[in-house]
Protein backbone atom coordinates (compact mmCIF):
# COMPACT_ATOMS: atom_id res chain seq x y z
CA MET A 1 77.31 -108.03 191.17
CA LYS A 2 80.35 -105.98 190.27
CA ALA A 3 79.41 -102.66 188.77
CA ARG A 4 80.55 -101.80 185.25
CA LYS A 5 83.57 -99.57 184.87
CA VAL A 6 82.67 -96.11 183.67
CA LYS A 7 85.31 -94.80 181.21
CA LYS A 8 86.70 -91.33 180.50
CA LEU A 9 85.73 -89.86 183.96
CA ASP A 10 87.73 -86.67 184.63
CA PRO A 11 87.88 -84.71 188.03
CA GLY A 12 88.51 -81.73 185.97
CA SER A 13 85.46 -82.06 183.77
CA PRO A 14 82.11 -80.40 184.62
CA LEU A 15 79.79 -82.44 186.92
CA ALA A 16 77.15 -82.75 184.22
CA GLU A 17 79.53 -84.41 181.79
CA ASN A 18 80.76 -87.03 184.32
CA ALA A 19 77.17 -87.65 185.53
CA ALA A 20 76.12 -88.27 181.98
CA ARG A 21 78.85 -90.82 181.52
CA ILE A 22 77.87 -92.65 184.69
CA VAL A 23 74.22 -92.58 184.00
CA ARG A 24 74.66 -93.97 180.53
CA VAL A 25 76.55 -96.96 181.82
CA ARG A 26 74.26 -97.53 184.83
CA LEU A 27 71.26 -97.41 182.62
CA ASP A 28 72.68 -99.82 180.05
CA GLU A 29 73.66 -102.04 182.86
CA MET A 30 70.21 -102.26 184.30
CA ARG A 31 68.50 -102.67 181.02
CA SER A 32 70.92 -105.50 180.04
CA PHE A 33 69.30 -107.92 182.58
CA ALA A 34 65.74 -107.43 181.15
CA PRO A 35 65.77 -110.25 178.52
CA THR A 36 66.51 -112.91 181.14
CA ALA A 37 65.05 -111.26 184.23
CA LEU A 38 61.59 -111.24 182.64
CA GLU A 39 61.56 -115.05 182.93
CA PRO A 40 59.84 -116.28 186.11
CA GLU A 41 62.62 -118.50 187.48
CA SER A 42 65.52 -116.10 186.75
CA SER A 43 65.90 -114.97 190.37
CA THR A 44 69.59 -114.32 189.98
CA GLU A 45 69.13 -111.91 187.17
CA GLN A 46 66.20 -110.23 188.87
CA HIS A 47 68.42 -109.69 191.93
CA ASP A 48 71.17 -108.26 189.78
CA MET A 49 68.72 -105.86 188.01
CA ARG A 50 67.63 -104.68 191.55
CA ILE A 51 71.19 -103.84 192.44
CA ALA A 52 71.64 -102.08 188.97
CA ALA A 53 68.44 -100.12 189.57
CA LYS A 54 69.63 -99.11 193.07
CA ARG A 55 72.96 -97.86 191.63
CA LEU A 56 71.08 -95.83 188.89
CA ARG A 57 68.74 -94.37 191.52
CA TYR A 58 71.73 -93.32 193.66
CA ILE A 59 73.53 -91.36 190.95
CA LEU A 60 70.30 -89.72 189.80
CA GLU A 61 69.46 -88.68 193.38
CA ALA A 62 72.64 -86.59 193.30
CA THR A 63 72.64 -85.46 189.63
CA GLU A 64 69.08 -85.57 188.20
CA PHE A 65 69.01 -81.72 187.89
CA CYS A 66 71.54 -82.28 185.08
CA PHE A 67 68.99 -84.07 183.03
CA GLY A 68 65.76 -82.12 183.67
CA ARG A 69 62.53 -83.92 183.81
CA PRO A 70 63.78 -87.22 182.30
CA GLY A 71 66.28 -87.44 185.21
CA ALA A 72 63.59 -86.95 187.94
CA GLU A 73 61.22 -89.35 186.23
CA ALA A 74 63.80 -92.07 185.86
CA ARG A 75 65.00 -91.71 189.47
CA ARG A 76 61.30 -92.25 190.68
CA ARG A 77 60.87 -95.26 188.44
CA ALA A 78 64.17 -96.84 189.36
CA LYS A 79 63.18 -96.61 193.07
CA GLU A 80 59.96 -98.35 192.24
CA LEU A 81 61.72 -101.03 190.34
CA GLN A 82 64.14 -101.52 193.07
CA GLU A 83 61.31 -101.93 195.64
CA ILE A 84 59.40 -104.42 193.59
CA LEU A 85 62.50 -106.51 192.88
CA GLY A 86 63.51 -106.16 196.55
CA GLU A 87 60.19 -107.75 197.71
CA LEU A 88 60.62 -110.42 195.06
CA HIS A 89 64.06 -111.15 196.41
CA ASP A 90 62.73 -111.40 199.98
CA CYS A 91 60.43 -114.15 198.83
CA ASP A 92 63.38 -115.98 197.18
CA VAL A 93 65.24 -115.70 200.36
CA MET A 94 62.35 -116.65 202.69
CA LEU A 95 60.91 -119.75 200.76
CA PRO A 96 64.07 -121.87 201.03
CA ARG A 97 64.39 -120.98 204.74
CA VAL A 98 60.78 -122.15 205.41
CA GLU A 99 61.40 -125.39 203.50
CA SER A 100 64.66 -125.97 205.26
CA HIS A 101 63.13 -125.44 208.66
CA LEU A 102 60.32 -127.89 207.73
CA ASP A 103 62.85 -130.46 206.82
CA GLU A 104 64.69 -129.98 210.06
CA LEU A 105 61.49 -130.41 212.05
CA ARG A 106 60.60 -133.53 210.07
CA ALA A 107 64.03 -135.01 210.67
CA ALA A 108 63.90 -134.32 214.35
CA ASP A 109 60.30 -135.74 214.71
CA ALA A 110 61.44 -138.87 212.77
CA ALA A 111 64.29 -139.44 215.17
CA VAL A 112 61.97 -139.02 218.28
CA VAL A 113 59.29 -141.42 216.76
CA ARG A 114 61.93 -144.01 216.04
CA GLU A 115 63.30 -143.76 219.51
CA ARG A 116 59.84 -144.05 220.91
CA ALA A 117 59.31 -147.25 218.93
CA GLY A 118 62.12 -148.88 220.83
CA GLY A 119 62.75 -152.46 219.88
CA ALA A 120 59.40 -152.90 217.95
CA ASP A 121 59.63 -154.80 214.61
CA ASP A 122 57.41 -152.17 212.84
CA LEU A 123 56.27 -148.66 213.56
CA ASP A 124 52.92 -147.82 215.02
CA VAL A 125 51.27 -145.05 213.28
CA SER A 126 50.12 -143.49 216.41
CA LEU A 127 53.64 -142.55 217.36
CA ALA A 128 53.92 -140.39 214.21
CA ALA A 129 50.51 -138.85 215.07
CA ARG A 130 52.08 -137.72 218.36
CA ALA A 131 55.25 -136.23 216.84
CA PRO A 132 56.53 -133.15 218.85
CA HIS A 133 56.39 -130.75 216.04
CA ARG A 134 53.29 -132.00 214.29
CA THR A 135 51.26 -128.77 214.85
CA ALA A 136 54.01 -126.69 213.37
CA TYR A 137 53.98 -128.38 209.89
CA ARG A 138 50.61 -126.99 208.81
CA GLY A 139 51.63 -123.42 209.76
CA LEU A 140 54.95 -123.56 207.91
CA ASP A 141 53.25 -125.28 204.86
CA VAL A 142 50.74 -122.47 204.80
CA LEU A 143 53.46 -119.91 205.10
CA ALA A 144 55.42 -121.55 202.16
CA VAL A 145 52.26 -121.40 200.06
CA TYR A 146 51.77 -117.75 200.87
CA VAL A 147 55.41 -116.89 199.94
CA GLN A 148 55.23 -118.69 196.79
CA ALA A 149 51.96 -117.17 195.72
CA ARG A 150 53.16 -113.77 196.73
CA ARG A 151 56.29 -114.22 194.57
CA GLY A 152 54.07 -115.06 191.55
CA LEU A 153 52.11 -111.95 192.21
CA LEU A 154 55.18 -109.64 192.56
CA PHE A 155 56.68 -111.14 189.44
CA GLU A 156 53.61 -110.21 187.53
CA ARG A 157 53.89 -106.69 188.94
CA PHE A 158 57.47 -106.49 187.89
CA VAL A 159 56.78 -107.57 184.32
CA ALA A 160 53.94 -105.04 183.97
CA PHE A 161 55.97 -102.33 185.55
CA TRP A 162 58.90 -102.99 183.16
CA VAL A 163 56.68 -103.29 180.06
CA GLU A 164 55.03 -99.94 180.96
CA GLN A 165 58.29 -98.04 181.47
CA GLU A 166 59.51 -99.36 178.09
CA ARG A 167 56.25 -98.37 176.41
CA ALA A 168 56.31 -94.88 178.05
CA GLY A 169 59.96 -94.42 177.10
CA THR A 170 61.22 -93.61 180.56
CA TRP A 171 64.68 -95.01 180.12
CA GLU A 172 64.98 -93.80 176.45
CA ARG A 173 64.39 -90.19 177.50
CA LEU A 174 67.07 -90.40 180.18
CA GLU A 175 69.51 -92.01 177.66
CA ARG A 176 68.77 -89.26 175.12
CA ALA A 177 69.22 -86.54 177.74
CA ALA A 178 72.64 -88.03 178.70
CA GLU A 179 73.64 -88.25 175.12
CA ARG A 180 72.69 -84.62 174.44
CA LEU A 181 74.81 -83.55 177.31
CA LEU A 182 77.87 -85.50 176.10
CA ASP A 183 77.28 -84.07 172.57
CA GLU A 184 77.22 -80.50 173.96
CA PHE A 185 80.34 -81.01 175.93
CA ARG A 186 82.08 -82.58 172.99
CA GLU A 187 81.06 -79.60 170.78
CA ARG A 188 82.24 -77.21 173.41
CA ARG A 189 85.54 -78.86 173.58
CA ARG A 190 85.88 -78.82 169.74
CA ALA A 191 84.92 -75.11 169.80
CA ALA A 192 87.49 -74.39 172.43
CA GLU A 193 90.17 -76.24 170.50
CA ARG A 194 89.26 -74.31 167.38
CA ALA A 195 89.45 -71.08 169.30
CA ALA A 196 92.88 -71.93 170.78
CA ARG A 197 94.10 -73.00 167.31
CA ALA A 198 92.92 -69.63 165.84
CA ALA A 199 94.50 -67.70 168.71
CA ARG A 200 97.83 -69.45 168.07
CA GLU A 201 97.63 -68.68 164.28
CA LEU A 202 96.80 -65.02 164.96
CA ALA A 203 99.62 -64.71 167.43
CA GLU A 204 102.04 -66.31 164.84
CA ALA A 205 100.69 -64.02 162.06
CA GLU A 206 101.05 -60.93 164.25
CA GLY A 207 104.59 -62.03 165.29
CA ALA A 208 105.63 -62.44 161.61
CA GLU A 209 103.98 -59.01 160.63
CA GLY A 210 105.77 -57.43 163.62
CA ALA A 211 109.12 -59.07 162.59
CA GLU A 212 108.57 -57.54 158.99
CA ARG A 213 107.86 -54.10 160.49
CA ALA A 214 110.94 -54.31 162.65
CA ALA A 215 113.07 -55.35 159.75
CA ALA A 216 111.72 -52.55 157.63
CA GLU A 217 112.44 -50.11 160.41
CA ARG A 218 115.95 -51.33 160.74
CA ALA A 219 116.50 -51.10 157.01
CA ARG A 220 115.25 -47.49 157.13
CA VAL A 221 117.52 -46.52 159.98
CA ALA A 222 120.39 -48.16 158.11
CA ALA A 223 119.72 -46.25 154.97
CA GLU A 224 119.44 -43.07 156.83
CA ASP A 225 122.69 -43.67 158.63
CA LEU A 226 124.35 -44.42 155.16
CA ARG A 227 123.15 -41.23 153.74
CA LEU A 228 124.33 -39.24 156.78
CA ALA A 229 127.68 -41.02 156.75
CA ARG A 230 128.13 -40.07 152.98
CA ARG A 231 127.34 -36.44 153.56
CA GLN A 232 129.76 -36.27 156.32
CA ALA A 233 132.48 -38.07 154.34
CA GLY A 234 132.28 -35.53 151.54
CA PRO A 235 133.04 -36.28 147.89
CA VAL A 236 135.10 -39.46 147.21
CA ALA A 237 138.53 -38.49 145.69
């Protein structure tokens, strides 16, 4: 399953801000599989949820300190979810293999029994009773039953675990912690922009005021020079 793209990541931004963006996407990704994954036969969605839980766990292992207690709690629960769904997936992989192996043994035995029958018009049942792999069938059938029953048990554990985390608000608390961090950084950025704008306006005002003072000083000096020049020139004839 391809991971969802995380937007607005910036190497120049603080770790906590980037972590909040990643966690928010990974958490939403994991939860998006729940409606279908909670159906017993939805093995594909259950497997995808396991991968999503693993991705959430990995980012939290590196950044959970940014989110406080909600981060640590969610990291532990994501690990548990990943493990339950991992065992469930093992059953989904194992059962078809057992059944495929049974089919192969049956096909091999059928070929041997047919060969032993030679040119007979019909098949003697005693030939099937002496099939080469006859003792393996029961063991594989029992194994298939065990895997199927265990999958049912693990699915029940998964559903109960998911319902409990939703009831306890594990994922909601992590989501709120990530949103609070993003809100804080947005407010800091806005405050920095306001401060920069105020600094520019102050510099412009001081520049205008300095220009006025300089102009006034130049006018004073020019007036003084004019008075001095008039005195030196004497009365006009």
